[in-house]
Amino acid sequence: MPRRFLVFLTFFQTVLIAVHGFLFLTWVYFWAPHIPGEAGVYDFSPLRHWRLLTALGILSISFLATSLIGFRTTNVILRVVYRITAVWLGFVNYAFFSSVLCWVVYLALWLGRAMIERHYFALSFLALAVGVSAYGVINGEWTRVRRITVKLERLPESWRGRTAVLVSDVHLGNYRAFGFARRVVKMVVRLNPDVVFIAGDLYDGTPADLARLAEPLRMLKPPLGAFFVEGNHEEFSDHIKYVKAVAAAGVRCLENERVIVDGLQIIGVSYRDATHGEHFRKTLRGTGFDRGQASILLTHAPDRVQVPAEEGVSLQVSGHTHHGQFWPWTLVAERMYGKFVYGLQCLGEMQVYTSTGAGTWGPPLRVGSSPEIVAVKFI
């Protein structure tokens, strides 16, 4: 593994252990039993709660362990365990912030000399974390259809009134599999699009039966075709195997190239060639697109939007950000990507649409964002 990746994994695991330790100490404090015969004195010994300590210790390393194993192999047991640990990680996020809030409120009440039943007080904050997490899981399963209209200069008349459907970040793998792929494709088919754009991270990057997961794509038969570009998850390993699986299902894979569809330029640039400004610019120019004519650029992430804007692209469609997926990471994503984190935005004469994506990655929660597929009507 690259050294930087090992450093990240070490940091990530250390944080998880620290968070689980904080949750354990919080639970021990608020649920410590009275010492018999000692009024107002509690037994805070962690050994009294050794079962909880052991369980939290195992859970603190479970997500990273199953994730690393999941990048090497897959089977039914691993997928079940991964799904459990992914949901647990999402819950831990809200359990941590709920515990911090619990301490803040408790100390404020204590300073105000308020009488508090500590057990039920802590239990109410635990219920808050459970409630928000449950909402996040349910919301993460509810993929919406978002409809927008886009007006492009020099758009061929034959394209006015037509509809393109944008799908990104399905993340098929150890959590979402064949059934989810089929459900998303059926939603797309019901929209009766003229063209379909798949903007990367169709797969999660883990070992899987790629051909079977791509099989539902055969139901896509838009009159102007379906087009795919690679995301970063398709590039975790040999990206060719993902491209072959998607192409075998009847979807055109655009690998740093331009195609003309009924007079409109469709350009596809893979994630790895769009992350560095000057290389991205060179790749775009290498497609031979005409900046004097309308064009749509498919590229996975809105990382270097100034480059296609300067090169004269009309519309860029992307995903990748998930809009942070769930709070407070929504705030982090907004800080990183600014106004291009989600939705339809403009940069000079170019328009950019960034989708939240149809699926989820890691914890299957959506709080502060919603999964979507996007119907784009050209006017």
Protein backbone atom coordinates (compact mmCIF):
# COMPACT_ATOMS: atom_id res chain seq x y z
CA MET A 1 0.00 0.00 0.00
CA PRO A 2 1.17 3.58 -0.62
CA ARG A 3 2.59 5.15 2.51
CA ARG A 4 0.07 8.01 2.50
CA PHE A 5 -2.78 5.51 2.37
CA LEU A 6 -1.35 3.61 5.34
CA VAL A 7 -1.06 6.86 7.28
CA PHE A 8 -4.70 7.65 6.47
CA LEU A 9 -5.86 4.20 7.55
CA THR A 10 -3.92 4.49 10.81
CA PHE A 11 -5.42 7.91 11.52
CA PHE A 12 -8.93 6.76 10.61
CA GLN A 13 -8.71 3.70 12.86
CA THR A 14 -7.26 5.73 15.72
CA VAL A 15 -10.15 8.17 15.50
CA LEU A 16 -12.67 5.31 15.50
CA ILE A 17 -11.09 3.77 18.60
CA ALA A 18 -11.08 7.14 20.37
CA VAL A 19 -14.74 7.78 19.48
CA HIS A 20 -15.80 4.35 20.73
CA GLY A 21 -13.78 4.95 23.89
CA PHE A 22 -15.61 8.24 24.44
CA LEU A 23 -18.97 6.51 23.95
CA PHE A 24 -17.98 3.85 26.48
CA LEU A 25 -16.90 6.37 29.12
CA THR A 26 -20.07 8.38 28.56
CA TRP A 27 -22.21 5.29 29.03
CA VAL A 28 -20.30 4.23 32.16
CA TYR A 29 -20.66 7.66 33.74
CA PHE A 30 -24.38 8.04 33.14
CA TRP A 31 -25.27 4.43 33.92
CA ALA A 32 -22.91 3.80 36.84
CA PRO A 33 -24.72 2.10 39.74
CA HIS A 34 -24.87 3.50 43.26
CA ILE A 35 -22.45 2.04 45.80
CA PRO A 36 -24.60 0.38 48.45
CA GLY A 37 -24.75 2.37 51.65
CA GLU A 38 -23.08 5.41 50.09
CA ALA A 39 -25.63 8.09 49.22
CA GLY A 40 -24.80 9.95 46.01
CA VAL A 41 -21.68 7.83 45.38
CA TYR A 42 -21.39 5.83 42.17
CA ASP A 43 -19.23 2.94 41.00
CA PHE A 44 -17.49 4.10 37.80
CA SER A 45 -15.32 1.02 37.42
CA PRO A 46 -15.04 0.14 33.71
CA LEU A 47 -14.57 -3.53 34.62
CA ARG A 48 -18.20 -3.67 35.74
CA HIS A 49 -19.10 -3.02 32.08
CA TRP A 50 -16.54 -5.34 30.50
CA ARG A 51 -19.06 -6.86 28.11
CA LEU A 52 -19.87 -3.43 26.66
CA LEU A 53 -16.16 -2.58 26.55
CA THR A 54 -15.42 -5.77 24.61
CA ALA A 55 -18.30 -5.22 22.20
CA LEU A 56 -17.32 -1.62 21.47
CA GLY A 57 -13.68 -2.64 21.06
CA ILE A 58 -14.64 -5.17 18.39
CA LEU A 59 -17.05 -2.75 16.69
CA SER A 60 -14.41 -0.02 16.62
CA ILE A 61 -12.26 -2.05 14.21
CA SER A 62 -15.05 -3.88 12.41
CA PHE A 63 -15.75 -1.45 9.57
CA LEU A 64 -12.16 -0.94 8.51
CA ALA A 65 -11.43 -4.67 8.82
CA THR A 66 -14.41 -5.74 6.70
CA SER A 67 -13.70 -2.96 4.19
CA LEU A 68 -10.10 -4.08 3.70
CA ILE A 69 -11.11 -7.73 3.41
CA GLY A 70 -13.90 -6.69 1.04
CA PHE A 71 -11.39 -5.22 -1.38
CA ARG A 72 -9.71 -8.62 -1.62
CA THR A 73 -12.60 -11.06 -1.72
CA THR A 74 -16.37 -11.32 -1.39
CA ASN A 75 -18.91 -13.83 -0.14
CA VAL A 76 -22.33 -13.85 1.47
CA ILE A 77 -21.02 -13.73 5.04
CA LEU A 78 -18.68 -10.85 4.31
CA ARG A 79 -21.46 -8.87 2.62
CA VAL A 80 -23.79 -9.35 5.58
CA VAL A 81 -21.11 -8.34 8.10
CA TYR A 82 -20.08 -5.35 5.97
CA ARG A 83 -23.67 -4.10 5.82
CA ILE A 84 -23.98 -4.35 9.60
CA THR A 85 -20.70 -2.53 10.22
CA ALA A 86 -21.55 0.16 7.65
CA VAL A 87 -24.84 0.93 9.38
CA TRP A 88 -23.05 0.85 12.75
CA LEU A 89 -20.49 3.40 11.55
CA GLY A 90 -23.30 5.74 10.53
CA PHE A 91 -24.92 5.33 13.94
CA VAL A 92 -21.60 5.99 15.71
CA ASN A 93 -21.37 9.32 13.88
CA TYR A 94 -24.62 10.49 15.48
CA ALA A 95 -24.00 8.72 18.80
CA PHE A 96 -20.79 10.74 19.15
CA PHE A 97 -22.42 14.11 18.50
CA SER A 98 -25.40 13.16 20.64
CA SER A 99 -23.03 12.23 23.49
CA VAL A 100 -21.21 15.56 23.20
CA LEU A 101 -24.57 17.35 23.33
CA CYS A 102 -25.55 15.19 26.31
CA TRP A 103 -22.47 16.30 28.25
CA VAL A 104 -22.96 19.97 27.36
CA VAL A 105 -26.61 20.00 28.47
CA TYR A 106 -25.87 17.91 31.57
CA LEU A 107 -23.08 20.24 32.71
CA ALA A 108 -25.28 23.27 32.09
CA LEU A 109 -28.07 21.77 34.20
CA TRP A 110 -25.61 20.68 36.88
CA LEU A 111 -24.19 24.18 37.14
CA GLY A 112 -27.75 25.41 37.48
CA ARG A 113 -28.22 22.91 40.32
CA ALA A 114 -31.06 21.17 38.52
CA MET A 115 -32.06 17.72 39.72
CA ILE A 116 -31.35 15.15 36.98
CA GLU A 117 -32.13 11.46 36.67
CA ARG A 118 -28.95 10.59 34.82
CA HIS A 119 -30.08 7.24 33.42
CA TYR A 120 -33.11 8.56 31.56
CA PHE A 121 -31.35 11.78 30.66
CA ALA A 122 -28.62 9.86 28.80
CA LEU A 123 -31.18 7.48 27.32
CA SER A 124 -33.01 10.39 25.67
CA PHE A 125 -29.85 11.41 23.83
CA LEU A 126 -29.20 7.82 22.80
CA ALA A 127 -32.75 7.70 21.41
CA LEU A 128 -31.99 10.88 19.45
CA ALA A 129 -28.97 9.24 17.80
CA VAL A 130 -30.98 6.09 17.01
CA GLY A 131 -33.80 8.17 15.52
CA VAL A 132 -31.57 10.25 13.27
CA SER A 133 -29.65 7.17 12.14
CA ALA A 134 -32.87 5.30 11.33
CA TYR A 135 -34.10 8.29 9.33
CA GLY A 136 -30.76 8.38 7.50
CA VAL A 137 -30.97 4.71 6.50
CA ILE A 138 -34.56 5.04 5.28
CA ASN A 139 -33.79 8.26 3.40
CA GLY A 140 -30.72 6.62 1.86
CA GLU A 141 -32.92 3.91 0.33
CA TRP A 142 -35.40 6.38 -1.17
CA THR A 143 -33.96 7.37 -4.54
CA ARG A 144 -35.85 10.35 -5.98
CA VAL A 145 -36.30 11.66 -9.50
CA ARG A 146 -35.15 15.27 -9.82
CA ARG A 147 -36.30 17.18 -12.90
CA ILE A 148 -34.45 20.20 -14.25
CA THR A 149 -34.46 22.22 -17.46
CA VAL A 150 -31.32 23.42 -19.19
CA LYS A 151 -31.00 25.97 -21.97
CA LEU A 152 -27.84 25.67 -24.04
CA GLU A 153 -26.60 28.14 -26.61
CA ARG A 154 -26.19 26.72 -30.13
CA LEU A 155 -28.10 23.57 -29.16
CA PRO A 156 -29.27 21.77 -32.32
CA GLU A 157 -33.00 22.29 -32.86
CA SER A 158 -33.54 18.53 -32.88
CA TRP A 159 -32.44 18.42 -29.22
CA ARG A 160 -34.93 20.98 -27.92
CA GLY A 161 -37.57 19.25 -25.85
CA ARG A 162 -35.50 16.10 -25.49
CA THR A 163 -34.68 14.53 -22.12
CA ALA A 164 -31.42 13.12 -20.83
CA VAL A 165 -31.30 11.09 -17.62
CA LEU A 166 -28.18 11.42 -15.46
CA VAL A 167 -27.21 8.59 -13.10
CA SER A 168 -24.10 8.58 -10.93
CA ASP A 169 -22.63 6.94 -7.83
CA VAL A 170 -24.73 3.78 -7.75
CA HIS A 171 -21.86 2.01 -5.93
CA LEU A 172 -22.68 -1.59 -6.70
CA GLY A 173 -20.66 -3.97 -4.55
CA ASN A 174 -20.80 -5.36 -1.04
CA TYR A 175 -23.72 -3.21 0.12
CA ARG A 176 -25.79 -2.49 -2.99
CA ALA A 177 -26.12 -5.26 -5.53
CA PHE A 178 -28.21 -6.61 -8.40
CA GLY A 179 -31.60 -5.71 -6.92
CA PHE A 180 -30.65 -2.08 -6.43
CA ALA A 181 -29.18 -1.85 -9.94
CA ARG A 182 -32.41 -3.22 -11.39
CA ARG A 183 -34.52 -0.77 -9.36
CA VAL A 184 -32.50 2.22 -10.53
CA VAL A 185 -32.63 1.11 -14.16
CA LYS A 186 -36.40 0.62 -13.97
CA MET A 187 -36.75 4.17 -12.65
CA VAL A 188 -34.71 5.43 -15.60
CA VAL A 189 -36.75 3.44 -18.13
CA ARG A 190 -40.02 4.83 -16.76
CA LEU A 191 -38.77 8.35 -17.54
CA ASN A 192 -38.58 7.39 -21.24
CA PRO A 193 -35.33 9.34 -21.84
CA ASP A 194 -33.85 10.12 -25.23
CA VAL A 195 -30.32 9.56 -23.89
CA VAL A 196 -28.77 8.27 -20.65
CA PHE A 197 -25.56 9.49 -19.01
CA ILE A 198 -23.84 7.37 -16.32
CA ALA A 199 -21.25 9.62 -14.68
CA GLY A 200 -19.01 7.14 -12.87
CA ASP A 201 -18.90 5.03 -9.70
CA LEU A 202 -21.42 2.59 -11.06
CA TYR A 203 -19.36 0.06 -9.11
CA ASP A 204 -17.94 0.32 -5.61
CA GLY A 205 -14.51 -1.00 -6.61
CA THR A 206 -14.80 -4.24 -4.63
CA PRO A 207 -14.67 -7.79 -6.03
CA ALA A 208 -18.02 -8.78 -7.52
CA ASP A 209 -19.71 -10.50 -10.44
CA LEU A 210 -19.38 -7.41 -12.61
CA ALA A 211 -21.28 -8.84 -15.57
CA ARG A 212 -24.29 -9.77 -13.44
CA LEU A 213 -24.37 -6.38 -11.73
CA ALA A 214 -24.32 -4.70 -15.15
CA GLU A 215 -27.05 -6.96 -16.57
CA PRO A 216 -29.95 -4.57 -15.76
CA LEU A 217 -28.31 -1.97 -18.02
CA ARG A 218 -29.53 -4.05 -20.97
CA MET A 219 -33.01 -2.65 -20.28
CA LEU A 220 -31.72 0.79 -21.23
CA LYS A 221 -32.65 1.35 -24.84
CA PRO A 222 -32.87 5.11 -25.29
CA PRO A 223 -33.05 6.13 -28.98
CA LEU A 224 -29.88 8.23 -28.78
CA GLY A 225 -27.88 5.76 -26.67
CA ALA A 226 -26.49 5.35 -23.15
CA PHE A 227 -23.01 6.61 -22.25
CA PHE A 228 -20.66 5.87 -19.34
CA VAL A 229 -17.47 7.40 -17.93
CA GLU A 230 -15.31 5.94 -15.18
CA GLY A 231 -15.32 7.27 -11.64
CA ASN A 232 -12.63 6.97 -9.00
CA HIS A 233 -14.07 3.70 -7.66
CA GLU A 234 -13.69 2.03 -11.04
CA GLU A 235 -10.04 3.02 -10.84
CA PHE A 236 -9.30 1.41 -7.46
CA SER A 237 -7.99 -1.58 -9.41
CA ASP A 238 -7.88 -2.57 -13.11
CA HIS A 239 -10.45 -0.22 -14.66
CA ILE A 240 -10.60 -2.25 -17.87
CA LYS A 241 -12.71 -5.00 -16.27
CA TYR A 242 -15.39 -2.48 -15.32
CA VAL A 243 -15.40 -0.91 -18.76
CA LYS A 244 -15.76 -4.32 -20.39
CA ALA A 245 -18.68 -5.27 -18.13
CA VAL A 246 -20.54 -2.03 -18.86
CA ALA A 247 -19.83 -2.22 -22.60
CA ALA A 248 -21.02 -5.84 -22.73
CA ALA A 249 -24.38 -4.65 -21.35
CA GLY A 250 -24.83 -2.32 -24.33
CA VAL A 251 -23.64 0.99 -22.86
CA ARG A 252 -21.10 3.09 -24.79
CA CYS A 253 -18.02 3.75 -22.66
CA LEU A 254 -16.42 7.10 -23.41
CA GLU A 255 -12.71 7.01 -22.71
CA ASN A 256 -11.39 10.53 -23.28
CA GLU A 257 -13.26 10.90 -26.54
CA ARG A 258 -16.00 12.81 -28.32
CA VAL A 259 -19.01 11.45 -30.15
CA ILE A 260 -21.56 13.45 -32.10
CA VAL A 261 -25.14 12.45 -31.44
CA ASP A 262 -27.64 14.03 -33.82
CA GLY A 263 -25.50 17.16 -34.07
CA LEU A 264 -24.65 17.49 -30.35
CA GLN A 265 -21.14 16.81 -29.05
CA ILE A 266 -20.95 14.34 -26.15
CA ILE A 267 -17.52 14.23 -24.49
CA GLY A 268 -16.37 11.73 -21.88
CA VAL A 269 -13.25 12.17 -19.72
CA SER A 270 -12.32 9.55 -17.12
CA TYR A 271 -11.73 10.52 -13.50
CA ARG A 272 -7.98 9.87 -13.57
CA ASP A 273 -7.54 12.27 -16.49
CA ALA A 274 -9.65 15.07 -15.00
CA THR A 275 -8.03 15.55 -11.59
CA HIS A 276 -5.06 17.70 -12.66
CA GLY A 277 -5.75 20.96 -14.42
CA GLU A 278 -3.30 21.03 -17.31
CA HIS A 279 -3.58 17.32 -18.02
CA PHE A 280 -7.37 17.70 -18.03
CA ARG A 281 -7.05 20.59 -20.49
CA LYS A 282 -4.78 18.59 -22.75
CA THR A 283 -7.15 15.60 -22.62
CA LEU A 284 -10.14 17.77 -23.47
CA ARG A 285 -8.36 19.29 -26.46
CA GLY A 286 -7.29 15.83 -27.56
CA THR A 287 -10.92 14.80 -28.05
CA GLY A 288 -11.14 17.26 -30.93
CA PHE A 289 -14.35 18.89 -29.77
CA ASP A 290 -15.48 22.13 -31.41
CA ARG A 291 -15.91 24.93 -28.88
CA GLY A 292 -18.06 26.76 -31.40
CA GLN A 293 -20.77 24.12 -31.10
CA ALA A 294 -22.88 22.97 -28.16
CA SER A 295 -21.31 20.20 -26.07
CA ILE A 296 -21.99 18.09 -22.98
CA LEU A 297 -19.07 16.84 -20.91
CA LEU A 298 -19.41 13.69 -18.80
CA THR A 299 -16.77 13.54 -16.09
CA HIS A 300 -17.13 12.05 -12.66
CA ALA A 301 -16.16 14.89 -10.32
CA PRO A 302 -16.54 18.68 -10.37
CA ASP A 303 -12.89 19.03 -9.32
CA ARG A 304 -11.53 21.29 -12.08
CA VAL A 305 -14.61 23.00 -13.48
CA GLN A 306 -12.64 26.06 -14.52
CA VAL A 307 -10.81 24.02 -17.18
CA PRO A 308 -13.82 22.97 -19.30
CA ALA A 309 -15.33 26.42 -18.74
CA GLU A 310 -12.23 28.05 -20.23
CA GLU A 311 -12.19 25.51 -23.06
CA GLY A 312 -15.73 26.35 -24.13
CA VAL A 313 -17.78 23.36 -22.91
CA SER A 314 -21.52 24.13 -22.74
CA LEU A 315 -22.63 21.76 -19.96
CA GLN A 316 -20.74 19.50 -17.55
CA VAL A 317 -22.59 16.69 -15.72
CA SER A 318 -20.93 15.02 -12.73
CA GLY A 319 -21.48 13.25 -9.41
CA HIS A 320 -18.87 12.13 -6.86
CA THR A 321 -19.61 14.60 -4.04
CA HIS A 322 -22.76 12.84 -2.70
CA HIS A 323 -23.37 16.34 -1.26
CA GLY A 324 -21.48 14.97 1.71
CA GLN A 325 -24.08 12.20 2.10
CA PHE A 326 -24.86 12.83 5.78
CA TRP A 327 -24.33 15.61 8.32
CA PRO A 328 -21.82 16.91 9.35
CA TRP A 329 -19.92 15.69 6.28
CA THR A 330 -22.35 17.70 4.17
CA LEU A 331 -20.67 20.79 5.61
CA VAL A 332 -17.22 19.41 4.73
CA ALA A 333 -18.28 18.72 1.14
CA GLU A 334 -19.75 22.21 0.80
CA ARG A 335 -16.48 23.65 2.05
CA MET A 336 -14.49 21.60 -0.47
CA TYR A 337 -16.63 22.12 -3.58
CA GLY A 338 -18.39 25.41 -2.87
CA LYS A 339 -21.45 26.00 -5.00
CA PHE A 340 -20.54 23.07 -7.27
CA VAL A 341 -21.17 20.54 -4.48
CA TYR A 342 -24.70 19.98 -5.75
CA GLY A 343 -27.25 21.15 -8.28
CA LEU A 344 -27.21 23.32 -11.40
CA GLN A 345 -24.66 26.13 -11.33
CA CYS A 346 -22.94 28.42 -13.81
CA LEU A 347 -19.29 29.24 -14.36
CA GLY A 348 -18.98 31.86 -17.04
CA GLU A 349 -20.93 30.56 -20.03
CA MET A 350 -20.71 26.93 -18.91
CA GLN A 351 -23.37 25.23 -16.81
CA VAL A 352 -22.51 22.47 -14.33
CA TYR A 353 -24.87 19.94 -12.80
CA THR A 354 -23.53 17.90 -9.88
CA SER A 355 -25.73 15.03 -8.76
CA THR A 356 -25.91 13.66 -5.22
CA GLY A 357 -25.85 10.18 -6.77
CA ALA A 358 -28.33 7.32 -6.70
CA GLY A 359 -26.65 5.22 -4.01
CA THR A 360 -24.36 5.60 -1.02
CA TRP A 361 -20.80 4.73 -0.09
CA GLY A 362 -19.71 3.50 3.33
CA PRO A 363 -22.48 4.17 5.87
CA PRO A 364 -25.77 3.86 3.92
CA LEU A 365 -27.19 7.05 5.43
CA ARG A 366 -28.52 10.24 3.88
CA VAL A 367 -29.06 13.14 6.28
CA GLY A 368 -28.96 16.59 4.71
CA SER A 369 -28.87 15.10 1.20
CA SER A 370 -31.09 12.78 -0.83
CA PRO A 371 -30.21 10.12 -3.43
CA GLU A 372 -31.41 10.96 -6.92
CA ILE A 373 -31.47 10.32 -10.60
CA VAL A 374 -31.83 13.42 -12.72
CA ALA A 375 -34.09 14.06 -15.72
CA VAL A 376 -32.60 16.94 -17.75
CA LYS A 377 -34.94 18.54 -20.28
CA PHE A 378 -33.28 20.68 -22.94
CA ILE A 379 -35.08 23.84 -24.03
